[in-house]
Amino acid sequence: MRANQALYAQLHPIKESIFWRQVDGGHDALCWRGGLMQGLIDLWQPLFHDRS
């Protein structure tokens, strides 16, 4: 978790679009299933938006 927080802190000043959400849990399917689809949508949205 510290590595993710450090990366966010380094990327934040460059004014790029950054989405950070910290969740309680581990790396099992029950923790990932809720945010996986939304995360992929957020990640790929700019690719589809540019085509319009």
N, C-alpha and C. Protein backbone atom coordinates (compact mmCIF):
# COMPACT_ATOMS: atom_id res chain seq x y z
N MET A 1 0.82 -1.19 0.00
CA MET A 1 0.00 0.00 0.00
C MET A 1 0.87 1.26 0.00
N ARG A 2 1.96 1.22 0.71
CA ARG A 2 2.83 2.40 0.75
C ARG A 2 3.39 2.75 -0.62
N ALA A 3 3.70 1.74 -1.40
CA ALA A 3 4.22 2.00 -2.75
C ALA A 3 3.17 2.71 -3.60
N ASN A 4 1.92 2.30 -3.50
CA ASN A 4 0.84 2.95 -4.25
C ASN A 4 0.65 4.39 -3.81
N GLN A 5 0.71 4.62 -2.51
CA GLN A 5 0.56 5.98 -1.99
C GLN A 5 1.72 6.86 -2.44
N ALA A 6 2.92 6.32 -2.46
CA ALA A 6 4.09 7.08 -2.91
C ALA A 6 3.98 7.41 -4.40
N LEU A 7 3.53 6.47 -5.20
CA LEU A 7 3.36 6.71 -6.63
C LEU A 7 2.32 7.80 -6.86
N TYR A 8 1.22 7.73 -6.16
CA TYR A 8 0.19 8.76 -6.28
C TYR A 8 0.76 10.14 -5.92
N ALA A 9 1.51 10.21 -4.85
CA ALA A 9 2.09 11.48 -4.41
C ALA A 9 3.04 12.05 -5.47
N GLN A 10 3.75 11.20 -6.18
CA GLN A 10 4.68 11.66 -7.21
C GLN A 10 3.95 12.08 -8.49
N LEU A 11 2.85 11.41 -8.82
CA LEU A 11 2.12 11.72 -10.04
C LEU A 11 1.19 12.92 -9.89
N HIS A 12 0.71 13.15 -8.69
CA HIS A 12 -0.27 14.21 -8.46
C HIS A 12 0.19 15.59 -8.95
N PRO A 13 1.42 16.02 -8.70
CA PRO A 13 1.84 17.37 -9.12
C PRO A 13 1.94 17.58 -10.63
N ILE A 14 1.96 16.52 -11.43
CA ILE A 14 2.13 16.72 -12.87
C ILE A 14 0.82 17.06 -13.57
N LYS A 15 -0.25 17.14 -12.83
CA LYS A 15 -1.56 17.59 -13.34
C LYS A 15 -2.15 16.68 -14.40
N GLU A 16 -1.80 15.43 -14.38
CA GLU A 16 -2.45 14.46 -15.25
C GLU A 16 -3.70 13.94 -14.54
N SER A 17 -4.57 13.34 -15.28
CA SER A 17 -5.78 12.77 -14.70
C SER A 17 -5.41 11.51 -13.92
N ILE A 18 -5.63 11.55 -12.63
CA ILE A 18 -5.29 10.43 -11.76
C ILE A 18 -6.51 10.08 -10.93
N PHE A 19 -6.82 8.81 -10.87
CA PHE A 19 -7.92 8.35 -10.02
C PHE A 19 -7.33 7.42 -8.98
N TRP A 20 -7.58 7.71 -7.74
CA TRP A 20 -7.05 6.90 -6.64
C TRP A 20 -8.19 6.57 -5.71
N ARG A 21 -8.36 5.30 -5.43
CA ARG A 21 -9.35 4.88 -4.45
C ARG A 21 -8.73 3.77 -3.63
N GLN A 22 -8.61 4.02 -2.35
CA GLN A 22 -8.06 3.02 -1.44
C GLN A 22 -9.21 2.20 -0.88
N VAL A 23 -9.07 0.89 -0.92
CA VAL A 23 -10.11 0.00 -0.41
C VAL A 23 -9.52 -0.95 0.61
N ASP A 24 -10.35 -1.36 1.53
CA ASP A 24 -9.94 -2.37 2.50
C ASP A 24 -10.10 -3.74 1.87
N GLY A 25 -9.13 -4.58 2.00
CA GLY A 25 -9.23 -5.92 1.46
C GLY A 25 -7.91 -6.38 0.89
N GLY A 26 -7.96 -7.53 0.30
CA GLY A 26 -6.75 -8.13 -0.25
C GLY A 26 -6.83 -8.25 -1.75
N HIS A 27 -6.16 -9.26 -2.27
CA HIS A 27 -6.12 -9.47 -3.71
C HIS A 27 -6.95 -10.68 -4.13
N ASP A 28 -8.03 -10.92 -3.44
CA ASP A 28 -8.90 -12.03 -3.83
C ASP A 28 -10.08 -11.50 -4.65
N ALA A 29 -10.79 -12.41 -5.28
CA ALA A 29 -11.87 -12.02 -6.20
C ALA A 29 -12.97 -11.23 -5.50
N LEU A 30 -13.26 -11.52 -4.26
CA LEU A 30 -14.31 -10.79 -3.57
C LEU A 30 -13.97 -9.32 -3.39
N CYS A 31 -12.72 -9.01 -3.23
CA CYS A 31 -12.32 -7.61 -3.08
C CYS A 31 -12.25 -6.90 -4.42
N TRP A 32 -11.88 -7.60 -5.46
CA TRP A 32 -11.69 -6.98 -6.76
C TRP A 32 -12.96 -6.87 -7.59
N ARG A 33 -13.91 -7.76 -7.39
CA ARG A 33 -15.05 -7.82 -8.31
C ARG A 33 -15.89 -6.54 -8.33
N GLY A 34 -15.99 -5.86 -7.20
CA GLY A 34 -16.80 -4.65 -7.16
C GLY A 34 -16.23 -3.51 -7.96
N GLY A 35 -14.93 -3.35 -7.98
CA GLY A 35 -14.34 -2.21 -8.66
C GLY A 35 -13.66 -2.52 -9.97
N LEU A 36 -13.53 -3.78 -10.31
CA LEU A 36 -12.79 -4.14 -11.52
C LEU A 36 -13.43 -3.58 -12.78
N MET A 37 -14.72 -3.80 -12.95
CA MET A 37 -15.38 -3.31 -14.16
C MET A 37 -15.34 -1.79 -14.24
N GLN A 38 -15.61 -1.11 -13.13
CA GLN A 38 -15.57 0.35 -13.15
C GLN A 38 -14.15 0.85 -13.42
N GLY A 39 -13.18 0.17 -12.88
CA GLY A 39 -11.79 0.55 -13.13
C GLY A 39 -11.42 0.42 -14.60
N LEU A 40 -11.86 -0.66 -15.23
CA LEU A 40 -11.59 -0.84 -16.66
C LEU A 40 -12.31 0.20 -17.51
N ILE A 41 -13.54 0.52 -17.13
CA ILE A 41 -14.28 1.56 -17.84
C ILE A 41 -13.56 2.89 -17.73
N ASP A 42 -13.13 3.24 -16.53
CA ASP A 42 -12.40 4.49 -16.32
C ASP A 42 -11.09 4.51 -17.09
N LEU A 43 -10.41 3.38 -17.14
CA LEU A 43 -9.14 3.29 -17.83
C LEU A 43 -9.30 3.44 -19.34
N TRP A 44 -10.31 2.81 -19.90
CA TRP A 44 -10.49 2.80 -21.35
C TRP A 44 -11.35 3.94 -21.88
N GLN A 45 -12.02 4.67 -21.02
CA GLN A 45 -12.92 5.74 -21.45
C GLN A 45 -12.25 6.72 -22.41
N PRO A 46 -11.04 7.20 -22.12
CA PRO A 46 -10.42 8.15 -23.06
C PRO A 46 -10.21 7.58 -24.46
N LEU A 47 -9.97 6.30 -24.58
CA LEU A 47 -9.77 5.70 -25.90
C LEU A 47 -11.03 5.76 -26.73
N PHE A 48 -12.17 5.50 -26.11
CA PHE A 48 -13.43 5.52 -26.83
C PHE A 48 -13.94 6.94 -27.02
N HIS A 49 -13.62 7.82 -26.10
CA HIS A 49 -14.06 9.21 -26.19
C HIS A 49 -13.37 9.92 -27.35
N ASP A 50 -12.11 9.58 -27.60
CA ASP A 50 -11.35 10.21 -28.68
C ASP A 50 -11.89 9.85 -30.06
N ARG A 51 -12.58 8.73 -30.19
CA ARG A 51 -13.10 8.29 -31.48
C ARG A 51 -14.35 9.05 -31.89
N SER A 52 -15.04 9.64 -30.94
CA SER A 52 -16.32 10.32 -31.23
C SER A 52 -16.12 11.57 -32.04
